Amino acid sequence: MGPRGRAPAASPDHASPPSTIRCFVALQPDEGALQWLDRLAGEQHARCPAARRTRRENLHLTLAFIGALEADRAREVAARLAAEACMPFDWSLDAVGAFGGARVLWAGGASPQLDALAAQARRLLDELDVRYDRKPFVAHVTLLRNVPRDAARHAAHRLEPPIVWHALAPVLLESRTDSNGVRYLPVAPQGDNA
């Protein structure tokens, strides 16, 4: 303690670390795909009520998971993503499957365009020297978590008709926890005053 019982003032060398956010590069579904995915999640949850359902507003496709990133760097990544050229395309989700080890039930489908978009997003992160999870990209949307292993083993089936997702440009999403649980919110690009 300093004089008169006060703690000494912090020196500039001991400034608090920059704030960080937990984030990832993702595609958000168009309204039509969102409605179908939410309905599908509800149907699967009815079959597997012990699992945790993904909230409607959180349904997304992860292209690259980053994790903790300084807020200023996150805004820079968001700005660079917004500046990237990206041609819209349709993604057909034609299957339901499960990652048994992770106990996750998902909807997805193969797409060379999505593979290329994920590779483009990851190249951008490499250019910016931003670390990210380098697991191979698998095009899927998580519907349920904590799925019992037996249910996960019997979950795979084809979606008829497939869900069509009109894919637009990727965005940087922040994972934020509040009293209502986890929410995924877009990171405002650097220089955006909104």
N, C-alpha and C. Protein backbone atom coordinates (compact mmCIF):
# COMPACT_ATOMS: atom_id res chain seq x y z
N MET A 1 0.84 -1.18 0.00
CA MET A 1 0.00 0.00 0.00
C MET A 1 0.87 1.23 0.00
N GLY A 2 0.42 2.28 -0.64
CA GLY A 2 1.14 3.54 -0.69
C GLY A 2 0.81 4.39 0.51
N PRO A 3 1.22 5.66 0.46
CA PRO A 3 0.95 6.55 1.58
C PRO A 3 -0.56 6.69 1.81
N ARG A 4 -0.92 6.86 3.07
CA ARG A 4 -2.32 7.04 3.49
C ARG A 4 -3.21 5.85 3.14
N GLY A 5 -2.63 4.65 3.00
CA GLY A 5 -3.42 3.44 2.81
C GLY A 5 -3.96 3.23 1.41
N ARG A 6 -3.51 4.02 0.43
CA ARG A 6 -4.00 3.84 -0.93
C ARG A 6 -3.02 2.97 -1.72
N ALA A 7 -3.58 2.23 -2.64
CA ALA A 7 -2.73 1.43 -3.51
C ALA A 7 -2.01 2.36 -4.47
N PRO A 8 -0.75 2.05 -4.81
CA PRO A 8 -0.03 2.90 -5.76
C PRO A 8 -0.69 2.87 -7.12
N ALA A 9 -0.60 3.99 -7.85
CA ALA A 9 -1.16 4.07 -9.21
C ALA A 9 -0.42 3.10 -10.11
N ALA A 10 -1.17 2.51 -11.05
CA ALA A 10 -0.55 1.57 -11.99
C ALA A 10 0.35 2.34 -12.94
N SER A 11 1.51 1.77 -13.20
CA SER A 11 2.42 2.41 -14.14
C SER A 11 2.03 2.01 -15.55
N PRO A 12 2.43 2.79 -16.56
CA PRO A 12 2.10 2.45 -17.95
C PRO A 12 2.61 1.07 -18.34
N ASP A 13 3.70 0.61 -17.70
CA ASP A 13 4.24 -0.71 -18.02
C ASP A 13 3.33 -1.83 -17.54
N HIS A 14 2.41 -1.52 -16.62
CA HIS A 14 1.53 -2.55 -16.06
C HIS A 14 0.08 -2.28 -16.44
N ALA A 15 -0.14 -1.76 -17.63
CA ALA A 15 -1.50 -1.49 -18.11
C ALA A 15 -2.25 -2.80 -18.27
N SER A 16 -3.58 -2.75 -18.16
CA SER A 16 -4.37 -3.97 -18.29
C SER A 16 -4.25 -4.48 -19.73
N PRO A 17 -4.32 -5.82 -19.89
CA PRO A 17 -4.18 -6.38 -21.24
C PRO A 17 -5.37 -5.95 -22.12
N PRO A 18 -5.16 -5.91 -23.44
CA PRO A 18 -6.25 -5.51 -24.33
C PRO A 18 -7.42 -6.48 -24.20
N SER A 19 -8.64 -5.97 -24.38
CA SER A 19 -9.79 -6.85 -24.28
C SER A 19 -9.79 -7.82 -25.47
N THR A 20 -10.25 -9.03 -25.21
CA THR A 20 -10.32 -10.03 -26.26
C THR A 20 -11.76 -10.51 -26.40
N ILE A 21 -12.06 -11.01 -27.57
CA ILE A 21 -13.36 -11.61 -27.81
C ILE A 21 -13.14 -12.99 -28.42
N ARG A 22 -14.12 -13.86 -28.24
CA ARG A 22 -14.07 -15.21 -28.80
C ARG A 22 -14.82 -15.15 -30.13
N CYS A 23 -14.15 -15.49 -31.22
CA CYS A 23 -14.78 -15.28 -32.52
C CYS A 23 -14.45 -16.36 -33.54
N PHE A 24 -15.19 -16.30 -34.66
CA PHE A 24 -15.02 -17.26 -35.74
C PHE A 24 -15.57 -16.68 -37.03
N VAL A 25 -15.05 -17.14 -38.16
CA VAL A 25 -15.53 -16.73 -39.48
C VAL A 25 -16.67 -17.67 -39.85
N ALA A 26 -17.80 -17.09 -40.30
CA ALA A 26 -18.98 -17.92 -40.54
C ALA A 26 -19.84 -17.37 -41.67
N LEU A 27 -20.74 -18.22 -42.11
CA LEU A 27 -21.83 -17.81 -42.98
C LEU A 27 -23.10 -17.87 -42.15
N GLN A 28 -23.96 -16.87 -42.34
CA GLN A 28 -25.26 -16.87 -41.68
C GLN A 28 -26.32 -17.23 -42.70
N PRO A 29 -27.31 -18.03 -42.31
CA PRO A 29 -28.31 -18.47 -43.29
C PRO A 29 -29.26 -17.35 -43.70
N ASP A 30 -29.76 -17.46 -44.92
CA ASP A 30 -30.83 -16.56 -45.35
C ASP A 30 -32.09 -16.97 -44.59
N GLU A 31 -33.12 -16.14 -44.63
CA GLU A 31 -34.33 -16.36 -43.82
C GLU A 31 -35.00 -17.70 -44.13
N GLY A 32 -35.07 -18.06 -45.41
CA GLY A 32 -35.71 -19.33 -45.78
C GLY A 32 -34.97 -20.52 -45.21
N ALA A 33 -33.65 -20.55 -45.38
CA ALA A 33 -32.85 -21.65 -44.83
C ALA A 33 -32.93 -21.67 -43.31
N LEU A 34 -32.93 -20.50 -42.69
CA LEU A 34 -33.02 -20.42 -41.24
C LEU A 34 -34.31 -21.05 -40.73
N GLN A 35 -35.43 -20.77 -41.39
CA GLN A 35 -36.70 -21.36 -40.98
C GLN A 35 -36.67 -22.88 -41.08
N TRP A 36 -36.14 -23.40 -42.20
CA TRP A 36 -36.08 -24.85 -42.38
C TRP A 36 -35.12 -25.51 -41.39
N LEU A 37 -33.98 -24.88 -41.15
CA LEU A 37 -33.02 -25.45 -40.20
C LEU A 37 -33.58 -25.44 -38.78
N ASP A 38 -34.28 -24.37 -38.42
CA ASP A 38 -34.88 -24.30 -37.08
C ASP A 38 -35.95 -25.38 -36.92
N ARG A 39 -36.74 -25.57 -37.96
CA ARG A 39 -37.76 -26.63 -37.93
C ARG A 39 -37.10 -28.00 -37.78
N LEU A 40 -36.05 -28.23 -38.55
CA LEU A 40 -35.33 -29.51 -38.48
C LEU A 40 -34.73 -29.72 -37.10
N ALA A 41 -34.14 -28.66 -36.53
CA ALA A 41 -33.58 -28.76 -35.18
C ALA A 41 -34.66 -29.13 -34.18
N GLY A 42 -35.85 -28.53 -34.33
CA GLY A 42 -36.97 -28.86 -33.44
C GLY A 42 -37.39 -30.31 -33.57
N GLU A 43 -37.47 -30.82 -34.80
CA GLU A 43 -37.84 -32.22 -35.03
C GLU A 43 -36.82 -33.16 -34.39
N GLN A 44 -35.54 -32.85 -34.58
CA GLN A 44 -34.49 -33.70 -34.02
C GLN A 44 -34.47 -33.62 -32.49
N HIS A 45 -34.75 -32.45 -31.95
CA HIS A 45 -34.79 -32.28 -30.51
C HIS A 45 -35.95 -33.07 -29.90
N ALA A 46 -37.09 -33.14 -30.61
CA ALA A 46 -38.22 -33.94 -30.13
C ALA A 46 -37.85 -35.42 -30.04
N ARG A 47 -36.99 -35.88 -30.96
CA ARG A 47 -36.52 -37.27 -30.93
C ARG A 47 -35.45 -37.50 -29.87
N CYS A 48 -34.80 -36.40 -29.48
CA CYS A 48 -33.65 -36.50 -28.58
C CYS A 48 -33.73 -35.36 -27.56
N PRO A 49 -34.74 -35.37 -26.66
CA PRO A 49 -34.98 -34.22 -25.77
C PRO A 49 -33.87 -33.97 -24.76
N ALA A 50 -33.01 -34.95 -24.51
CA ALA A 50 -31.92 -34.74 -23.55
C ALA A 50 -30.81 -33.87 -24.13
N ALA A 51 -30.79 -33.73 -25.45
CA ALA A 51 -29.75 -32.93 -26.11
C ALA A 51 -30.05 -31.44 -25.95
N ARG A 52 -29.03 -30.61 -26.24
CA ARG A 52 -29.20 -29.15 -26.18
C ARG A 52 -29.35 -28.62 -27.60
N ARG A 53 -30.47 -27.98 -27.87
CA ARG A 53 -30.79 -27.47 -29.20
C ARG A 53 -30.09 -26.13 -29.45
N THR A 54 -29.58 -25.94 -30.65
CA THR A 54 -29.00 -24.65 -31.04
C THR A 54 -30.14 -23.64 -31.20
N ARG A 55 -29.97 -22.49 -30.57
CA ARG A 55 -30.99 -21.44 -30.69
C ARG A 55 -31.09 -20.99 -32.14
N ARG A 56 -32.31 -20.64 -32.55
CA ARG A 56 -32.58 -20.25 -33.94
C ARG A 56 -31.60 -19.18 -34.42
N GLU A 57 -31.41 -18.14 -33.61
CA GLU A 57 -30.57 -17.02 -34.03
C GLU A 57 -29.08 -17.37 -34.07
N ASN A 58 -28.72 -18.54 -33.53
CA ASN A 58 -27.31 -18.94 -33.52
C ASN A 58 -26.96 -19.94 -34.62
N LEU A 59 -27.92 -20.36 -35.41
CA LEU A 59 -27.63 -21.32 -36.49
C LEU A 59 -26.69 -20.66 -37.50
N HIS A 60 -25.61 -21.35 -37.86
CA HIS A 60 -24.59 -20.78 -38.75
C HIS A 60 -23.72 -21.90 -39.30
N LEU A 61 -22.86 -21.56 -40.23
CA LEU A 61 -21.84 -22.46 -40.76
C LEU A 61 -20.48 -21.86 -40.45
N THR A 62 -19.66 -22.56 -39.69
CA THR A 62 -18.31 -22.07 -39.36
C THR A 62 -17.35 -22.40 -40.50
N LEU A 63 -16.65 -21.38 -40.98
CA LEU A 63 -15.62 -21.57 -42.00
C LEU A 63 -14.24 -21.69 -41.37
N ALA A 64 -14.02 -20.97 -40.26
CA ALA A 64 -12.74 -21.04 -39.54
C ALA A 64 -12.98 -20.57 -38.10
N PHE A 65 -12.62 -21.42 -37.13
CA PHE A 65 -12.77 -21.06 -35.73
C PHE A 65 -11.47 -20.41 -35.24
N ILE A 66 -11.56 -19.21 -34.69
CA ILE A 66 -10.39 -18.47 -34.24
C ILE A 66 -10.19 -18.60 -32.74
N GLY A 67 -11.23 -18.37 -31.96
CA GLY A 67 -11.11 -18.34 -30.51
C GLY A 67 -10.82 -16.92 -30.06
N ALA A 68 -10.04 -16.78 -28.99
CA ALA A 68 -9.77 -15.46 -28.41
C ALA A 68 -8.94 -14.61 -29.37
N LEU A 69 -9.37 -13.38 -29.56
CA LEU A 69 -8.67 -12.43 -30.43
C LEU A 69 -8.88 -11.03 -29.86
N GLU A 70 -7.82 -10.23 -29.88
CA GLU A 70 -7.96 -8.85 -29.40
C GLU A 70 -9.06 -8.15 -30.19
N ALA A 71 -9.84 -7.33 -29.50
CA ALA A 71 -10.99 -6.67 -30.12
C ALA A 71 -10.59 -5.84 -31.34
N ASP A 72 -9.48 -5.12 -31.26
CA ASP A 72 -9.04 -4.31 -32.41
C ASP A 72 -8.69 -5.19 -33.61
N ARG A 73 -8.03 -6.32 -33.33
CA ARG A 73 -7.67 -7.24 -34.41
C ARG A 73 -8.93 -7.85 -35.01
N ALA A 74 -9.92 -8.14 -34.15
CA ALA A 74 -11.17 -8.71 -34.63
C ALA A 74 -11.86 -7.73 -35.59
N ARG A 75 -11.87 -6.45 -35.24
CA ARG A 75 -12.48 -5.45 -36.13
C ARG A 75 -11.73 -5.36 -37.46
N GLU A 76 -10.40 -5.53 -37.39
CA GLU A 76 -9.59 -5.53 -38.62
C GLU A 76 -9.95 -6.73 -39.50
N VAL A 77 -10.08 -7.91 -38.88
CA VAL A 77 -10.47 -9.10 -39.64
C VAL A 77 -11.85 -8.91 -40.25
N ALA A 78 -12.79 -8.36 -39.47
CA ALA A 78 -14.15 -8.12 -39.99
C ALA A 78 -14.12 -7.19 -41.19
N ALA A 79 -13.28 -6.16 -41.13
CA ALA A 79 -13.18 -5.21 -42.25
C ALA A 79 -12.59 -5.88 -43.49
N ARG A 80 -11.57 -6.71 -43.30
CA ARG A 80 -10.97 -7.40 -44.45
C ARG A 80 -11.94 -8.39 -45.07
N LEU A 81 -12.71 -9.09 -44.23
CA LEU A 81 -13.72 -10.01 -44.76
C LEU A 81 -14.75 -9.25 -45.58
N ALA A 82 -15.18 -8.09 -45.07
CA ALA A 82 -16.19 -7.28 -45.77
C ALA A 82 -15.67 -6.78 -47.12
N ALA A 83 -14.36 -6.61 -47.24
CA ALA A 83 -13.77 -6.10 -48.47
C ALA A 83 -13.50 -7.19 -49.51
N GLU A 84 -13.58 -8.47 -49.09
CA GLU A 84 -13.30 -9.58 -50.00
C GLU A 84 -14.43 -9.75 -51.02
N ALA A 85 -14.07 -10.05 -52.24
CA ALA A 85 -15.08 -10.35 -53.26
C ALA A 85 -15.64 -11.74 -53.01
N CYS A 86 -16.94 -11.86 -53.06
CA CYS A 86 -17.57 -13.15 -52.83
C CYS A 86 -18.84 -13.24 -53.67
N MET A 87 -18.85 -14.19 -54.59
CA MET A 87 -20.03 -14.39 -55.43
C MET A 87 -21.05 -15.23 -54.69
N PRO A 88 -22.30 -14.78 -54.59
CA PRO A 88 -23.34 -15.58 -53.95
C PRO A 88 -23.54 -16.91 -54.68
N PHE A 89 -23.94 -17.92 -53.94
CA PHE A 89 -24.23 -19.23 -54.53
C PHE A 89 -25.20 -19.96 -53.62
N ASP A 90 -25.78 -21.04 -54.13
CA ASP A 90 -26.70 -21.86 -53.34
C ASP A 90 -25.99 -23.09 -52.81
N TRP A 91 -26.21 -23.37 -51.54
CA TRP A 91 -25.68 -24.57 -50.90
C TRP A 91 -26.86 -25.48 -50.59
N SER A 92 -26.75 -26.74 -50.98
CA SER A 92 -27.81 -27.71 -50.75
C SER A 92 -27.44 -28.60 -49.57
N LEU A 93 -28.21 -28.48 -48.49
CA LEU A 93 -28.01 -29.32 -47.30
C LEU A 93 -28.90 -30.54 -47.47
N ASP A 94 -28.29 -31.69 -47.73
CA ASP A 94 -29.06 -32.87 -48.09
C ASP A 94 -28.88 -34.04 -47.13
N ALA A 95 -28.26 -33.80 -45.97
CA ALA A 95 -28.02 -34.90 -45.04
C ALA A 95 -28.05 -34.42 -43.60
N VAL A 96 -28.45 -35.33 -42.71
CA VAL A 96 -28.31 -35.15 -41.27
C VAL A 96 -27.32 -36.20 -40.82
N GLY A 97 -26.39 -35.79 -39.97
CA GLY A 97 -25.39 -36.72 -39.47
C GLY A 97 -24.98 -36.36 -38.06
N ALA A 98 -24.00 -37.08 -37.55
CA ALA A 98 -23.55 -36.83 -36.18
C ALA A 98 -22.05 -37.01 -36.09
N PHE A 99 -21.43 -36.20 -35.24
CA PHE A 99 -20.04 -36.42 -34.83
C PHE A 99 -20.16 -37.10 -33.47
N GLY A 100 -20.02 -38.41 -33.46
CA GLY A 100 -20.25 -39.18 -32.24
C GLY A 100 -19.35 -38.79 -31.09
N GLY A 101 -18.05 -38.58 -31.38
CA GLY A 101 -17.12 -38.22 -30.32
C GLY A 101 -17.49 -36.89 -29.67
N ALA A 102 -17.91 -35.93 -30.49
CA ALA A 102 -18.28 -34.61 -29.98
C ALA A 102 -19.74 -34.56 -29.54
N ARG A 103 -20.51 -35.63 -29.85
CA ARG A 103 -21.94 -35.71 -29.49
C ARG A 103 -22.73 -34.55 -30.09
N VAL A 104 -22.47 -34.29 -31.38
CA VAL A 104 -23.11 -33.20 -32.11
C VAL A 104 -23.92 -33.78 -33.26
N LEU A 105 -25.16 -33.30 -33.41
CA LEU A 105 -26.01 -33.65 -34.54
C LEU A 105 -26.02 -32.46 -35.49
N TRP A 106 -25.85 -32.71 -36.79
CA TRP A 106 -25.70 -31.62 -37.74
C TRP A 106 -26.51 -31.87 -39.01
N ALA A 107 -26.70 -30.79 -39.79
CA ALA A 107 -27.22 -30.87 -41.15
C ALA A 107 -26.13 -30.31 -42.06
N GLY A 108 -25.97 -30.92 -43.23
CA GLY A 108 -24.93 -30.43 -44.12
C GLY A 108 -25.00 -31.05 -45.49
N GLY A 109 -23.95 -30.82 -46.23
CA GLY A 109 -23.86 -31.35 -47.58
C GLY A 109 -22.57 -30.88 -48.23
N ALA A 110 -22.02 -31.71 -49.08
CA ALA A 110 -20.78 -31.38 -49.76
C ALA A 110 -21.00 -30.22 -50.73
N SER A 111 -19.99 -29.35 -50.84
CA SER A 111 -20.08 -28.23 -51.77
C SER A 111 -18.68 -27.74 -52.11
N PRO A 112 -18.26 -27.89 -53.37
CA PRO A 112 -16.96 -27.36 -53.77
C PRO A 112 -16.87 -25.85 -53.56
N GLN A 113 -17.99 -25.13 -53.74
CA GLN A 113 -17.98 -23.67 -53.54
C GLN A 113 -17.72 -23.32 -52.07
N LEU A 114 -18.32 -24.09 -51.16
CA LEU A 114 -18.07 -23.85 -49.74
C LEU A 114 -16.64 -24.19 -49.38
N ASP A 115 -16.12 -25.28 -49.93
CA ASP A 115 -14.72 -25.64 -49.68
C ASP A 115 -13.80 -24.50 -50.12
N ALA A 116 -14.08 -23.93 -51.29
CA ALA A 116 -13.26 -22.82 -51.81
C ALA A 116 -13.40 -21.59 -50.92
N LEU A 117 -14.63 -21.32 -50.44
CA LEU A 117 -14.85 -20.16 -49.58
C LEU A 117 -14.13 -20.31 -48.24
N ALA A 118 -14.17 -21.51 -47.68
CA ALA A 118 -13.44 -21.77 -46.42
C ALA A 118 -11.95 -21.59 -46.64
N ALA A 119 -11.43 -22.09 -47.76
CA ALA A 119 -10.00 -21.94 -48.06
C ALA A 119 -9.64 -20.46 -48.22
N GLN A 120 -10.52 -19.68 -48.87
CA GLN A 120 -10.28 -18.25 -49.05
C GLN A 120 -10.25 -17.54 -47.70
N ALA A 121 -11.19 -17.87 -46.81
CA ALA A 121 -11.23 -17.24 -45.48
C ALA A 121 -9.98 -17.60 -44.68
N ARG A 122 -9.54 -18.83 -44.78
CA ARG A 122 -8.35 -19.27 -44.04
C ARG A 122 -7.08 -18.62 -44.59
N ARG A 123 -7.02 -18.44 -45.91
CA ARG A 123 -5.86 -17.71 -46.49
C ARG A 123 -5.80 -16.28 -45.98
N LEU A 124 -6.97 -15.65 -45.88
CA LEU A 124 -7.02 -14.28 -45.36
C LEU A 124 -6.50 -14.24 -43.92
N LEU A 125 -6.92 -15.20 -43.10
CA LEU A 125 -6.43 -15.25 -41.71
C LEU A 125 -4.92 -15.47 -41.68
N ASP A 126 -4.41 -16.31 -42.59
CA ASP A 126 -2.95 -16.52 -42.67
C ASP A 126 -2.24 -15.22 -43.03
N GLU A 127 -2.80 -14.48 -44.01
CA GLU A 127 -2.20 -13.19 -44.41
C GLU A 127 -2.16 -12.21 -43.24
N LEU A 128 -3.20 -12.25 -42.40
CA LEU A 128 -3.28 -11.34 -41.26
C LEU A 128 -2.55 -11.88 -40.03
N ASP A 129 -1.96 -13.07 -40.18
CA ASP A 129 -1.25 -13.73 -39.07
C ASP A 129 -2.17 -13.94 -37.87
N VAL A 130 -3.39 -14.38 -38.16
CA VAL A 130 -4.37 -14.70 -37.11
C VAL A 130 -4.42 -16.22 -36.98
N ARG A 131 -4.22 -16.71 -35.78
CA ARG A 131 -4.27 -18.16 -35.54
C ARG A 131 -5.71 -18.64 -35.56
N TYR A 132 -5.90 -19.86 -36.04
CA TYR A 132 -7.23 -20.46 -36.08
C TYR A 132 -7.08 -21.98 -36.03
N ASP A 133 -8.17 -22.65 -35.75
CA ASP A 133 -8.19 -24.11 -35.68
C ASP A 133 -8.02 -24.65 -37.11
N ARG A 134 -7.01 -25.45 -37.31
CA ARG A 134 -6.69 -25.94 -38.66
C ARG A 134 -7.27 -27.31 -38.97
N LYS A 135 -8.25 -27.73 -38.19
CA LYS A 135 -8.93 -28.99 -38.53
C LYS A 135 -9.52 -28.86 -39.93
N PRO A 136 -9.58 -29.97 -40.66
CA PRO A 136 -10.17 -29.90 -42.01
C PRO A 136 -11.60 -29.37 -41.95
N PHE A 137 -11.94 -28.59 -42.95
CA PHE A 137 -13.28 -28.01 -43.04
C PHE A 137 -14.29 -29.08 -43.40
N VAL A 138 -15.39 -29.14 -42.66
CA VAL A 138 -16.52 -30.02 -42.96
C VAL A 138 -17.77 -29.14 -42.96
N ALA A 139 -18.44 -29.05 -44.10
CA ALA A 139 -19.59 -28.16 -44.25
C ALA A 139 -20.79 -28.70 -43.48
N HIS A 140 -21.07 -28.11 -42.33
CA HIS A 140 -22.19 -28.57 -41.50
C HIS A 140 -22.71 -27.44 -40.61
N VAL A 141 -23.96 -27.57 -40.22
CA VAL A 141 -24.61 -26.65 -39.28
C VAL A 141 -24.99 -27.47 -38.05
N THR A 142 -24.51 -27.08 -36.88
CA THR A 142 -24.83 -27.81 -35.66
C THR A 142 -26.28 -27.55 -35.27
N LEU A 143 -27.04 -28.64 -35.11
CA LEU A 143 -28.44 -28.55 -34.69
C LEU A 143 -28.60 -28.83 -33.20
N LEU A 144 -27.91 -29.88 -32.72
CA LEU A 144 -28.00 -30.31 -31.33
C LEU A 144 -26.62 -30.62 -30.78
N ARG A 145 -26.44 -30.35 -29.48
CA ARG A 145 -25.21 -30.73 -28.78
C ARG A 145 -25.58 -31.66 -27.63
N ASN A 146 -24.58 -32.34 -27.09
CA ASN A 146 -24.78 -33.29 -25.98
C ASN A 146 -25.78 -34.37 -26.35
N VAL A 147 -25.69 -34.86 -27.58
CA VAL A 147 -26.57 -35.92 -28.05
C VAL A 147 -26.10 -37.24 -27.43
N PRO A 148 -27.00 -38.01 -26.83
CA PRO A 148 -26.59 -39.32 -26.30
C PRO A 148 -25.93 -40.15 -27.40
N ARG A 149 -24.90 -40.88 -27.03
CA ARG A 149 -24.11 -41.60 -28.04
C ARG A 149 -24.95 -42.58 -28.85
N ASP A 150 -25.90 -43.25 -28.22
CA ASP A 150 -26.73 -44.20 -28.94
C ASP A 150 -27.57 -43.48 -30.00
N ALA A 151 -28.13 -42.33 -29.64
CA ALA A 151 -28.92 -41.55 -30.61
C ALA A 151 -28.04 -41.05 -31.75
N ALA A 152 -26.82 -40.64 -31.43
CA ALA A 152 -25.90 -40.15 -32.46
C ALA A 152 -25.59 -41.25 -33.47
N ARG A 153 -25.46 -42.49 -33.01
CA ARG A 153 -25.14 -43.61 -33.91
C ARG A 153 -26.25 -43.86 -34.93
N HIS A 154 -27.48 -43.50 -34.59
CA HIS A 154 -28.62 -43.80 -35.47
C HIS A 154 -29.20 -42.54 -36.12
N ALA A 155 -28.46 -41.47 -36.11
CA ALA A 155 -29.00 -40.18 -36.57
C ALA A 155 -28.92 -39.96 -38.08
N ALA A 156 -27.98 -40.58 -38.75
CA ALA A 156 -27.71 -40.25 -40.16
C ALA A 156 -28.89 -40.59 -41.05
N HIS A 157 -29.29 -39.63 -41.88
CA HIS A 157 -30.30 -39.86 -42.90
C HIS A 157 -30.24 -38.75 -43.95
N ARG A 158 -30.84 -39.01 -45.09
CA ARG A 158 -30.90 -38.03 -46.17
C ARG A 158 -32.03 -37.05 -45.90
N LEU A 159 -31.85 -35.81 -46.34
CA LEU A 159 -32.90 -34.80 -46.26
C LEU A 159 -33.60 -34.72 -47.61
N GLU A 160 -34.88 -35.01 -47.62
CA GLU A 160 -35.67 -34.92 -48.84
C GLU A 160 -36.90 -34.08 -48.58
N PRO A 161 -37.07 -32.96 -49.22
CA PRO A 161 -36.12 -32.35 -50.15
C PRO A 161 -34.99 -31.69 -49.37
N PRO A 162 -33.88 -31.40 -50.03
CA PRO A 162 -32.78 -30.71 -49.36
C PRO A 162 -33.17 -29.28 -48.98
N ILE A 163 -32.47 -28.75 -48.00
CA ILE A 163 -32.62 -27.34 -47.62
C ILE A 163 -31.68 -26.53 -48.51
N VAL A 164 -32.20 -25.50 -49.15
CA VAL A 164 -31.35 -24.65 -50.00
C VAL A 164 -31.01 -23.38 -49.23
N TRP A 165 -29.73 -23.12 -49.10
CA TRP A 165 -29.20 -21.96 -48.38
C TRP A 165 -28.57 -21.04 -49.41
N HIS A 166 -29.06 -19.82 -49.52
CA HIS A 166 -28.50 -18.83 -50.45
C HIS A 166 -27.32 -18.17 -49.73
N ALA A 167 -26.12 -18.65 -50.04
CA ALA A 167 -24.91 -18.22 -49.33
C ALA A 167 -24.42 -16.87 -49.85
N LEU A 168 -24.18 -15.97 -48.91
CA LEU A 168 -23.63 -14.66 -49.23
C LEU A 168 -22.21 -14.59 -48.68
N ALA A 169 -21.73 -13.41 -48.36
CA ALA A 169 -20.34 -13.24 -47.91
C ALA A 169 -20.18 -13.69 -46.45
N PRO A 170 -19.01 -14.23 -46.13
CA PRO A 170 -18.74 -14.59 -44.74
C PRO A 170 -18.57 -13.36 -43.85
N VAL A 171 -18.82 -13.55 -42.58
CA VAL A 171 -18.67 -12.49 -41.59
C VAL A 171 -17.90 -13.03 -40.40
N LEU A 172 -17.41 -12.12 -39.57
CA LEU A 172 -16.78 -12.52 -38.31
C LEU A 172 -17.84 -12.43 -37.23
N LEU A 173 -18.07 -13.53 -36.54
CA LEU A 173 -19.04 -13.56 -35.45
C LEU A 173 -18.32 -13.66 -34.12
N GLU A 174 -18.89 -12.99 -33.13
CA GLU A 174 -18.39 -13.03 -31.76
C GLU A 174 -19.32 -13.91 -30.94
N SER A 175 -18.73 -14.77 -30.11
CA SER A 175 -19.50 -15.58 -29.18
C SER A 175 -19.58 -14.82 -27.86
N ARG A 176 -20.80 -14.40 -27.49
CA ARG A 176 -20.97 -13.59 -26.29
C ARG A 176 -21.96 -14.30 -25.36
N THR A 177 -21.62 -14.39 -24.08
CA THR A 177 -22.49 -15.02 -23.10
C THR A 177 -23.13 -13.96 -22.23
N ASP A 178 -24.46 -14.05 -22.09
CA ASP A 178 -25.17 -13.15 -21.19
C ASP A 178 -26.17 -13.97 -20.39
N SER A 179 -27.10 -13.31 -19.72
CA SER A 179 -28.06 -14.01 -18.86
C SER A 179 -28.97 -14.96 -19.64
N ASN A 180 -29.09 -14.76 -20.95
CA ASN A 180 -29.91 -15.63 -21.78
C ASN A 180 -29.13 -16.77 -22.42
N GLY A 181 -27.84 -16.85 -22.14
CA GLY A 181 -27.00 -17.89 -22.72
C GLY A 181 -26.04 -17.32 -23.74
N VAL A 182 -25.58 -18.18 -24.65
CA VAL A 182 -24.61 -17.78 -25.67
C VAL A 182 -25.34 -17.20 -26.87
N ARG A 183 -24.80 -16.09 -27.39
CA ARG A 183 -25.31 -15.48 -28.62
C ARG A 183 -24.14 -15.24 -29.55
N TYR A 184 -24.39 -15.38 -30.86
CA TYR A 184 -23.37 -15.13 -31.86
C TYR A 184 -23.75 -13.83 -32.58
N LEU A 185 -22.88 -12.84 -32.46
CA LEU A 185 -23.17 -11.51 -32.99
C LEU A 185 -22.09 -11.08 -33.96
N PRO A 186 -22.45 -10.41 -35.06
CA PRO A 186 -21.44 -9.92 -36.00
C PRO A 186 -20.52 -8.90 -35.33
N VAL A 187 -19.23 -8.98 -35.66
CA VAL A 187 -18.25 -7.99 -35.20
C VAL A 187 -18.29 -6.83 -36.17
N ALA A 188 -18.42 -5.60 -35.64
CA ALA A 188 -18.43 -4.41 -36.50
C ALA A 188 -17.04 -4.22 -37.10
N PRO A 189 -16.96 -4.03 -38.41
CA PRO A 189 -15.65 -3.82 -39.03
C PRO A 189 -14.96 -2.57 -38.51
N GLN A 190 -13.62 -2.58 -38.55
CA GLN A 190 -12.82 -1.41 -38.18
C GLN A 190 -13.25 -0.23 -39.03
N GLY A 191 -13.47 0.92 -38.39
CA GLY A 191 -13.89 2.10 -39.12
C GLY A 191 -15.39 2.23 -39.27
N ASP A 192 -16.14 1.20 -38.81
CA ASP A 192 -17.60 1.26 -38.86
C ASP A 192 -18.09 1.94 -37.60
N ASN A 193 -18.76 3.05 -37.73
CA ASN A 193 -19.23 3.81 -36.57
C ASN A 193 -20.61 3.38 -36.10
N ALA A 194 -21.18 2.37 -36.74
CA ALA A 194 -22.53 1.94 -36.35
C ALA A 194 -22.53 1.27 -35.01
